[in-house]
Amino acid sequence: MRIPAAKKYSSSGAALSRYLLPAILLIALLWLGGEHTAIAAARTPAGLPAANATDQRATQIPIPLFLETPLDSKKRAAGDQVQAIVASQVDLSDGSVIPRESKVTGHIVESKARSKGDSESSIAIVFDKIDMPNGKTMNIKGSLRAIAPNPNPDENGGGVDYGSSINRSLEHAGPGQTSYSSVPILNAESEGAIGMKDLSLASDGVIRSTGKAVKLGRGIQVMIRAELLGQ
């Protein structure tokens, strides 16, 4: 009588194993999958590439400048300091401002005159900080976006009043328009070398010329886009 009972138990155990084992495997797979997902999610921010051009542009501030330091790629070298002044007050999202005539300091990244066998000369500049009239310093990472001639070459420093803020319409010019002196006035959307003979400015921020050297005089209009790094 015990033998049939043993067979019955064995049959029940086999049936239980048949259902229980797949269930255990399924639970294990689900757990491992969740663990993998959690690890991947934790690693995603660090593993992502740099922000795309659209995101980067959205976090940068357009700042109009007048160049204070004359530049000549034949005479200048990488590391040389470059000075500029803010052409118009810039309103920031936190309510603070970068006042007009704040001093902006940058440096030359590369400077090359055209030599035998070269097709062009070039110069590249980045801007590193803004010294405001109230004594505060703001560190930035600023790159060139546009350049244009000095609208008032007879006046030191350019002499263009962009109005109280770059966020308002320009008094004398808007996109695609020119000032009363027929010299293009840069705005927040300007890109490239505008009205500059034999000069080009690509998205890499390098100014190039087909001439023997890139030459920029004092008072040249410069539009940069800057990432604010704090004070």
C-alpha atoms as a PDB file:
ATOM      1  CA  MET A   1       0.000   0.000   0.000  1.00  0.00           C
ATOM      2  CA  ARG A   2       2.956   2.343   0.602  1.00  0.00           C
ATOM      3  CA  ILE A   3       4.353   1.895  -2.893  1.00  0.00           C
ATOM      4  CA  PRO A   4       1.422   3.547  -4.715  1.00  0.00           C
ATOM      5  CA  ALA A   5       1.546   6.357  -2.172  1.00  0.00           C
ATOM      6  CA  ALA A   6       5.223   6.923  -3.010  1.00  0.00           C
ATOM      7  CA  LYS A   7       4.426   7.011  -6.715  1.00  0.00           C
ATOM      8  CA  LYS A   8       1.677   9.538  -6.084  1.00  0.00           C
ATOM      9  CA  TYR A   9       4.113  11.769  -4.179  1.00  0.00           C
ATOM     10  CA  SER A  10       6.729  11.418  -6.879  1.00  0.00           C
ATOM     11  CA  SER A  11       4.212  12.376  -9.538  1.00  0.00           C
ATOM     12  CA  SER A  12       3.096  15.444  -7.580  1.00  0.00           C
ATOM     13  CA  GLY A  13       6.713  16.492  -7.002  1.00  0.00           C
ATOM     14  CA  ALA A  14       7.518  16.205 -10.691  1.00  0.00           C
ATOM     15  CA  ALA A  15       4.495  18.301 -11.585  1.00  0.00           C
ATOM     16  CA  LEU A  16       5.462  20.926  -9.020  1.00  0.00           C
ATOM     17  CA  SER A  17       9.026  21.040 -10.320  1.00  0.00           C
ATOM     18  CA  ARG A  18       7.747  21.357 -13.860  1.00  0.00           C
ATOM     19  CA  TYR A  19       5.907  24.604 -12.986  1.00  0.00           C
ATOM     20  CA  LEU A  20       8.144  25.940 -10.230  1.00  0.00           C
ATOM     21  CA  LEU A  21      11.455  25.842 -12.090  1.00  0.00           C
ATOM     22  CA  PRO A  22      10.308  28.020 -15.024  1.00  0.00           C
ATOM     23  CA  ALA A  23       8.763  30.452 -12.547  1.00  0.00           C
ATOM     24  CA  ILE A  24      12.050  30.747 -10.675  1.00  0.00           C
ATOM     25  CA  LEU A  25      13.934  31.267 -13.932  1.00  0.00           C
ATOM     26  CA  LEU A  26      11.436  33.930 -15.010  1.00  0.00           C
ATOM     27  CA  ILE A  27      11.797  35.793 -11.709  1.00  0.00           C
ATOM     28  CA  ALA A  28      15.589  35.610 -11.989  1.00  0.00           C
ATOM     29  CA  LEU A  29      15.523  36.958 -15.538  1.00  0.00           C
ATOM     30  CA  LEU A  30      13.191  39.793 -14.563  1.00  0.00           C
ATOM     31  CA  TRP A  31      15.437  40.712 -11.630  1.00  0.00           C
ATOM     32  CA  LEU A  32      18.548  40.678 -13.771  1.00  0.00           C
ATOM     33  CA  GLY A  33      16.802  42.756 -16.413  1.00  0.00           C
ATOM     34  CA  GLY A  34      15.741  45.331 -13.857  1.00  0.00           C
ATOM     35  CA  GLU A  35      19.223  45.444 -12.380  1.00  0.00           C
ATOM     36  CA  HIS A  36      20.721  45.977 -15.845  1.00  0.00           C
ATOM     37  CA  THR A  37      18.213  48.756 -16.577  1.00  0.00           C
ATOM     38  CA  ALA A  38      18.978  50.488 -13.300  1.00  0.00           C
ATOM     39  CA  ILE A  39      22.716  50.311 -13.948  1.00  0.00           C
ATOM     40  CA  ALA A  40      22.266  51.613 -17.476  1.00  0.00           C
ATOM     41  CA  ALA A  41      20.108  54.487 -16.246  1.00  0.00           C
ATOM     42  CA  ALA A  42      22.684  55.391 -13.638  1.00  0.00           C
ATOM     43  CA  ARG A  43      25.436  55.435 -16.243  1.00  0.00           C
ATOM     44  CA  THR A  44      23.525  57.303 -18.952  1.00  0.00           C
ATOM     45  CA  PRO A  45      24.227  60.902 -17.842  1.00  0.00           C
ATOM     46  CA  ALA A  46      27.968  60.320 -17.612  1.00  0.00           C
ATOM     47  CA  GLY A  47      28.074  58.355 -20.827  1.00  0.00           C
ATOM     48  CA  LEU A  48      26.119  60.782 -22.987  1.00  0.00           C
ATOM     49  CA  PRO A  49      28.049  62.778 -25.595  1.00  0.00           C
ATOM     50  CA  ALA A  50      28.306  66.571 -25.332  1.00  0.00           C
ATOM     51  CA  ALA A  51      25.052  68.488 -25.847  1.00  0.00           C
ATOM     52  CA  ASN A  52      24.088  68.844 -29.483  1.00  0.00           C
ATOM     53  CA  ALA A  53      24.402  72.158 -31.282  1.00  0.00           C
ATOM     54  CA  THR A  54      20.789  73.139 -30.582  1.00  0.00           C
ATOM     55  CA  ASP A  55      21.040  72.452 -26.845  1.00  0.00           C
ATOM     56  CA  GLN A  56      24.398  74.190 -26.624  1.00  0.00           C
ATOM     57  CA  ARG A  57      23.148  77.251 -28.454  1.00  0.00           C
ATOM     58  CA  ALA A  58      20.163  77.452 -26.099  1.00  0.00           C
ATOM     59  CA  THR A  59      22.472  77.687 -23.051  1.00  0.00           C
ATOM     60  CA  GLN A  60      24.749  80.356 -24.535  1.00  0.00           C
ATOM     61  CA  ILE A  61      24.300  84.109 -24.289  1.00  0.00           C
ATOM     62  CA  PRO A  62      24.884  86.396 -27.298  1.00  0.00           C
ATOM     63  CA  ILE A  63      27.128  89.307 -26.322  1.00  0.00           C
ATOM     64  CA  PRO A  64      27.996  92.163 -28.729  1.00  0.00           C
ATOM     65  CA  LEU A  65      31.527  93.525 -28.426  1.00  0.00           C
ATOM     66  CA  PHE A  66      33.860  96.114 -29.875  1.00  0.00           C
ATOM     67  CA  LEU A  67      37.409  94.882 -30.350  1.00  0.00           C
ATOM     68  CA  GLU A  68      39.946  96.930 -28.417  1.00  0.00           C
ATOM     69  CA  THR A  69      43.091  95.028 -29.403  1.00  0.00           C
ATOM     70  CA  PRO A  70      44.124  95.314 -33.068  1.00  0.00           C
ATOM     71  CA  LEU A  71      44.951  91.894 -34.476  1.00  0.00           C
ATOM     72  CA  ASP A  72      47.377  90.794 -37.163  1.00  0.00           C
ATOM     73  CA  SER A  73      47.922  87.057 -37.583  1.00  0.00           C
ATOM     74  CA  LYS A  74      51.426  87.758 -38.892  1.00  0.00           C
ATOM     75  CA  LYS A  75      52.454  89.541 -35.695  1.00  0.00           C
ATOM     76  CA  ARG A  76      50.351  87.793 -33.052  1.00  0.00           C
ATOM     77  CA  ALA A  77      50.889  84.374 -31.501  1.00  0.00           C
ATOM     78  CA  ALA A  78      48.866  81.800 -29.591  1.00  0.00           C
ATOM     79  CA  GLY A  79      48.414  82.855 -25.974  1.00  0.00           C
ATOM     80  CA  ASP A  80      48.457  86.608 -26.653  1.00  0.00           C
ATOM     81  CA  GLN A  81      45.790  88.487 -24.744  1.00  0.00           C
ATOM     82  CA  VAL A  82      42.860  90.114 -26.532  1.00  0.00           C
ATOM     83  CA  GLN A  83      40.713  92.911 -25.105  1.00  0.00           C
ATOM     84  CA  ALA A  84      37.195  93.988 -26.075  1.00  0.00           C
ATOM     85  CA  ILE A  85      34.345  95.985 -24.544  1.00  0.00           C
ATOM     86  CA  VAL A  86      30.655  95.146 -24.320  1.00  0.00           C
ATOM     87  CA  ALA A  87      28.759  97.186 -26.921  1.00  0.00           C
ATOM     88  CA  SER A  88      25.331  96.956 -25.286  1.00  0.00           C
ATOM     89  CA  GLN A  89      23.857  95.972 -21.957  1.00  0.00           C
ATOM     90  CA  VAL A  90      22.948  92.292 -21.879  1.00  0.00           C
ATOM     91  CA  ASP A  91      20.015  91.169 -19.728  1.00  0.00           C
ATOM     92  CA  LEU A  92      20.416  87.766 -18.077  1.00  0.00           C
ATOM     93  CA  SER A  93      17.644  85.348 -17.156  1.00  0.00           C
ATOM     94  CA  ASP A  94      18.220  85.777 -13.411  1.00  0.00           C
ATOM     95  CA  GLY A  95      17.540  89.508 -13.624  1.00  0.00           C
ATOM     96  CA  SER A  96      21.165  90.602 -13.505  1.00  0.00           C
ATOM     97  CA  VAL A  97      22.875  92.421 -16.355  1.00  0.00           C
ATOM     98  CA  ILE A  98      26.216  92.689 -18.076  1.00  0.00           C
ATOM     99  CA  PRO A  99      26.626  96.470 -18.386  1.00  0.00           C
ATOM    100  CA  ARG A 100      27.677  98.270 -21.530  1.00  0.00           C
ATOM    101  CA  GLU A 101      31.415  99.002 -21.652  1.00  0.00           C
ATOM    102  CA  SER A 102      32.281  96.050 -19.404  1.00  0.00           C
ATOM    103  CA  LYS A 103      35.763  94.824 -20.271  1.00  0.00           C
ATOM    104  CA  VAL A 104      36.067  91.414 -21.897  1.00  0.00           C
ATOM    105  CA  THR A 105      39.352  89.521 -21.933  1.00  0.00           C
ATOM    106  CA  GLY A 106      40.255  86.634 -24.191  1.00  0.00           C
ATOM    107  CA  HIS A 107      43.263  85.076 -25.824  1.00  0.00           C
ATOM    108  CA  ILE A 108      44.465  83.904 -29.209  1.00  0.00           C
ATOM    109  CA  VAL A 109      44.230  80.157 -29.736  1.00  0.00           C
ATOM    110  CA  GLU A 110      46.031  80.070 -33.062  1.00  0.00           C
ATOM    111  CA  SER A 111      47.525  82.658 -35.384  1.00  0.00           C
ATOM    112  CA  LYS A 112      48.938  81.901 -38.793  1.00  0.00           C
ATOM    113  CA  ALA A 113      50.140  84.077 -41.661  1.00  0.00           C
ATOM    114  CA  ARG A 114      49.940  82.725 -45.173  1.00  0.00           C
ATOM    115  CA  SER A 115      53.272  81.294 -46.198  1.00  0.00           C
ATOM    116  CA  LYS A 116      54.462  79.692 -49.396  1.00  0.00           C
ATOM    117  CA  GLY A 117      52.249  76.765 -50.224  1.00  0.00           C
ATOM    118  CA  ASP A 118      49.394  77.921 -47.955  1.00  0.00           C
ATOM    119  CA  SER A 119      46.057  78.943 -49.373  1.00  0.00           C
ATOM    120  CA  GLU A 120      45.026  81.152 -46.458  1.00  0.00           C
ATOM    121  CA  SER A 121      45.952  82.874 -43.225  1.00  0.00           C
ATOM    122  CA  SER A 122      43.930  82.454 -40.042  1.00  0.00           C
ATOM    123  CA  ILE A 123      43.404  83.518 -36.446  1.00  0.00           C
ATOM    124  CA  ALA A 124      41.217  82.040 -33.699  1.00  0.00           C
ATOM    125  CA  ILE A 125      40.141  83.772 -30.481  1.00  0.00           C
ATOM    126  CA  VAL A 126      38.247  82.692 -27.374  1.00  0.00           C
ATOM    127  CA  PHE A 127      37.000  84.929 -24.567  1.00  0.00           C
ATOM    128  CA  ASP A 128      37.525  84.001 -20.938  1.00  0.00           C
ATOM    129  CA  LYS A 129      36.128  86.640 -18.581  1.00  0.00           C
ATOM    130  CA  ILE A 130      34.122  89.835 -18.211  1.00  0.00           C
ATOM    131  CA  ASP A 131      35.171  92.555 -15.766  1.00  0.00           C
ATOM    132  CA  MET A 132      32.179  94.719 -14.914  1.00  0.00           C
ATOM    133  CA  PRO A 133      32.254  98.349 -13.738  1.00  0.00           C
ATOM    134  CA  ASN A 134      31.073  97.323 -10.243  1.00  0.00           C
ATOM    135  CA  GLY A 135      34.255  95.299  -9.761  1.00  0.00           C
ATOM    136  CA  LYS A 136      32.694  91.892 -10.271  1.00  0.00           C
ATOM    137  CA  THR A 137      34.275  89.373 -12.635  1.00  0.00           C
ATOM    138  CA  MET A 138      32.310  86.792 -14.583  1.00  0.00           C
ATOM    139  CA  ASN A 139      34.122  83.824 -16.070  1.00  0.00           C
ATOM    140  CA  ILE A 140      32.867  82.797 -19.485  1.00  0.00           C
ATOM    141  CA  LYS A 141      33.615  80.478 -22.350  1.00  0.00           C
ATOM    142  CA  GLY A 142      32.966  82.658 -25.373  1.00  0.00           C
ATOM    143  CA  SER A 143      33.452  81.872 -29.043  1.00  0.00           C
ATOM    144  CA  LEU A 144      33.209  84.047 -32.134  1.00  0.00           C
ATOM    145  CA  ARG A 145      29.959  83.959 -34.070  1.00  0.00           C
ATOM    146  CA  ALA A 146      30.130  87.075 -36.237  1.00  0.00           C
ATOM    147  CA  ILE A 147      32.352  90.025 -37.109  1.00  0.00           C
ATOM    148  CA  ALA A 148      31.602  93.242 -39.009  1.00  0.00           C
ATOM    149  CA  PRO A 149      33.420  96.518 -39.751  1.00  0.00           C
ATOM    150  CA  ASN A 150      33.710  99.415 -37.348  1.00  0.00           C
ATOM    151  CA  PRO A 151      30.552 101.427 -38.137  1.00  0.00           C
ATOM    152  CA  ASN A 152      32.229 104.691 -37.149  1.00  0.00           C
ATOM    153  CA  PRO A 153      35.918 104.364 -38.004  1.00  0.00           C
ATOM    154  CA  ASP A 154      36.533 108.019 -37.156  1.00  0.00           C
ATOM    155  CA  GLU A 155      35.479 107.382 -33.556  1.00  0.00           C
ATOM    156  CA  ASN A 156      37.549 105.313 -31.135  1.00  0.00           C
ATOM    157  CA  GLY A 157      35.817 102.162 -29.978  1.00  0.00           C
ATOM    158  CA  GLY A 158      33.169 102.093 -32.671  1.00  0.00           C
ATOM    159  CA  GLY A 159      30.664 104.505 -31.196  1.00  0.00           C
ATOM    160  CA  VAL A 160      27.542 102.454 -31.939  1.00  0.00           C
ATOM    161  CA  ASP A 161      24.798 102.549 -29.338  1.00  0.00           C
ATOM    162  CA  TYR A 162      22.929  99.269 -29.526  1.00  0.00           C
ATOM    163  CA  GLY A 163      20.241 100.515 -27.156  1.00  0.00           C
ATOM    164  CA  SER A 164      19.777  99.527 -23.526  1.00  0.00           C
ATOM    165  CA  SER A 165      19.654  95.796 -24.244  1.00  0.00           C
ATOM    166  CA  ILE A 166      20.423  93.302 -26.962  1.00  0.00           C
ATOM    167  CA  ASN A 167      17.039  91.790 -26.196  1.00  0.00           C
ATOM    168  CA  ARG A 168      15.320  94.883 -27.599  1.00  0.00           C
ATOM    169  CA  SER A 169      15.203  96.018 -31.207  1.00  0.00           C
ATOM    170  CA  LEU A 170      18.252  97.905 -32.387  1.00  0.00           C
ATOM    171  CA  GLU A 171      17.619 101.586 -32.874  1.00  0.00           C
ATOM    172  CA  HIS A 172      19.365 101.840 -36.215  1.00  0.00           C
ATOM    173  CA  ALA A 173      19.190  98.337 -37.613  1.00  0.00           C
ATOM    174  CA  GLY A 174      17.600  94.925 -37.441  1.00  0.00           C
ATOM    175  CA  PRO A 175      18.410  91.579 -39.045  1.00  0.00           C
ATOM    176  CA  GLY A 176      19.644  92.155 -42.564  1.00  0.00           C
ATOM    177  CA  GLN A 177      19.501  95.929 -42.268  1.00  0.00           C
ATOM    178  CA  THR A 178      22.371  98.396 -42.113  1.00  0.00           C
ATOM    179  CA  SER A 179      23.171 101.438 -40.028  1.00  0.00           C
ATOM    180  CA  TYR A 180      22.968 105.004 -41.269  1.00  0.00           C
ATOM    181  CA  SER A 181      26.615 104.655 -42.368  1.00  0.00           C
ATOM    182  CA  SER A 182      25.760 101.628 -44.572  1.00  0.00           C
ATOM    183  CA  VAL A 183      27.851  99.366 -42.350  1.00  0.00           C
ATOM    184  CA  PRO A 184      26.040  96.199 -41.148  1.00  0.00           C
ATOM    185  CA  ILE A 185      25.164  96.239 -37.457  1.00  0.00           C
ATOM    186  CA  LEU A 186      25.478  92.842 -35.798  1.00  0.00           C
ATOM    187  CA  ASN A 187      22.605  91.375 -33.816  1.00  0.00           C
ATOM    188  CA  ALA A 188      22.028  88.215 -31.792  1.00  0.00           C
ATOM    189  CA  GLU A 189      21.324  86.146 -34.910  1.00  0.00           C
ATOM    190  CA  SER A 190      24.319  87.344 -36.943  1.00  0.00           C
ATOM    191  CA  GLU A 191      26.798  84.744 -38.135  1.00  0.00           C
ATOM    192  CA  GLY A 192      29.991  84.845 -40.169  1.00  0.00           C
ATOM    193  CA  ALA A 193      32.124  87.700 -41.492  1.00  0.00           C
ATOM    194  CA  ILE A 194      29.631  90.342 -42.614  1.00  0.00           C
ATOM    195  CA  GLY A 195      30.888  93.146 -44.834  1.00  0.00           C
ATOM    196  CA  MET A 196      34.513  92.092 -44.257  1.00  0.00           C
ATOM    197  CA  LYS A 197      36.503  91.930 -47.485  1.00  0.00           C
ATOM    198  CA  ASP A 198      38.561  88.749 -48.010  1.00  0.00           C
ATOM    199  CA  LEU A 199      37.584  87.414 -44.577  1.00  0.00           C
ATOM    200  CA  SER A 200      35.445  84.447 -43.587  1.00  0.00           C
ATOM    201  CA  LEU A 201      34.284  83.129 -40.228  1.00  0.00           C
ATOM    202  CA  ALA A 202      33.040  79.551 -40.027  1.00  0.00           C
ATOM    203  CA  SER A 203      31.174  77.799 -37.218  1.00  0.00           C
ATOM    204  CA  ASP A 204      34.505  76.652 -35.754  1.00  0.00           C
ATOM    205  CA  GLY A 205      35.209  80.265 -34.723  1.00  0.00           C
ATOM    206  CA  VAL A 206      38.322  80.608 -36.896  1.00  0.00           C
ATOM    207  CA  ILE A 207      38.690  83.780 -38.969  1.00  0.00           C
ATOM    208  CA  ARG A 208      40.324  83.046 -42.315  1.00  0.00           C
ATOM    209  CA  SER A 209      41.638  85.229 -45.112  1.00  0.00           C
ATOM    210  CA  THR A 210      42.923  84.658 -48.611  1.00  0.00           C
ATOM    211  CA  GLY A 211      45.417  87.452 -47.945  1.00  0.00           C
ATOM    212  CA  LYS A 212      48.855  87.157 -46.366  1.00  0.00           C
ATOM    213  CA  ALA A 213      47.458  87.848 -42.885  1.00  0.00           C
ATOM    214  CA  VAL A 214      44.176  88.295 -41.035  1.00  0.00           C
ATOM    215  CA  LYS A 215      43.970  91.899 -39.877  1.00  0.00           C
ATOM    216  CA  LEU A 216      41.300  93.304 -37.568  1.00  0.00           C
ATOM    217  CA  GLY A 217      41.425  96.908 -36.418  1.00  0.00           C
ATOM    218  CA  ARG A 218      40.282  98.472 -33.166  1.00  0.00           C
ATOM    219  CA  GLY A 219      36.533  99.067 -33.074  1.00  0.00           C
ATOM    220  CA  ILE A 220      35.613  96.031 -35.177  1.00  0.00           C
ATOM    221  CA  GLN A 221      32.189  94.665 -34.212  1.00  0.00           C
ATOM    222  CA  VAL A 222      32.291  91.184 -32.695  1.00  0.00           C
ATOM    223  CA  MET A 223      29.364  88.978 -31.707  1.00  0.00           C
ATOM    224  CA  ILE A 224      30.187  86.103 -29.393  1.00  0.00           C
ATOM    225  CA  ARG A 225      28.088  83.386 -27.836  1.00  0.00           C
ATOM    226  CA  ALA A 226      29.187  82.746 -24.278  1.00  0.00           C
ATOM    227  CA  GLU A 227      28.587  80.091 -21.686  1.00  0.00           C
ATOM    228  CA  LEU A 228      28.509  81.740 -18.270  1.00  0.00           C
ATOM    229  CA  LEU A 229      30.768  79.886 -15.829  1.00  0.00           C
ATOM    230  CA  GLY A 230      30.116  81.993 -12.719  1.00  0.00           C
ATOM    231  CA  GLN A 231      31.948  84.626 -10.729  1.00  0.00           C
END
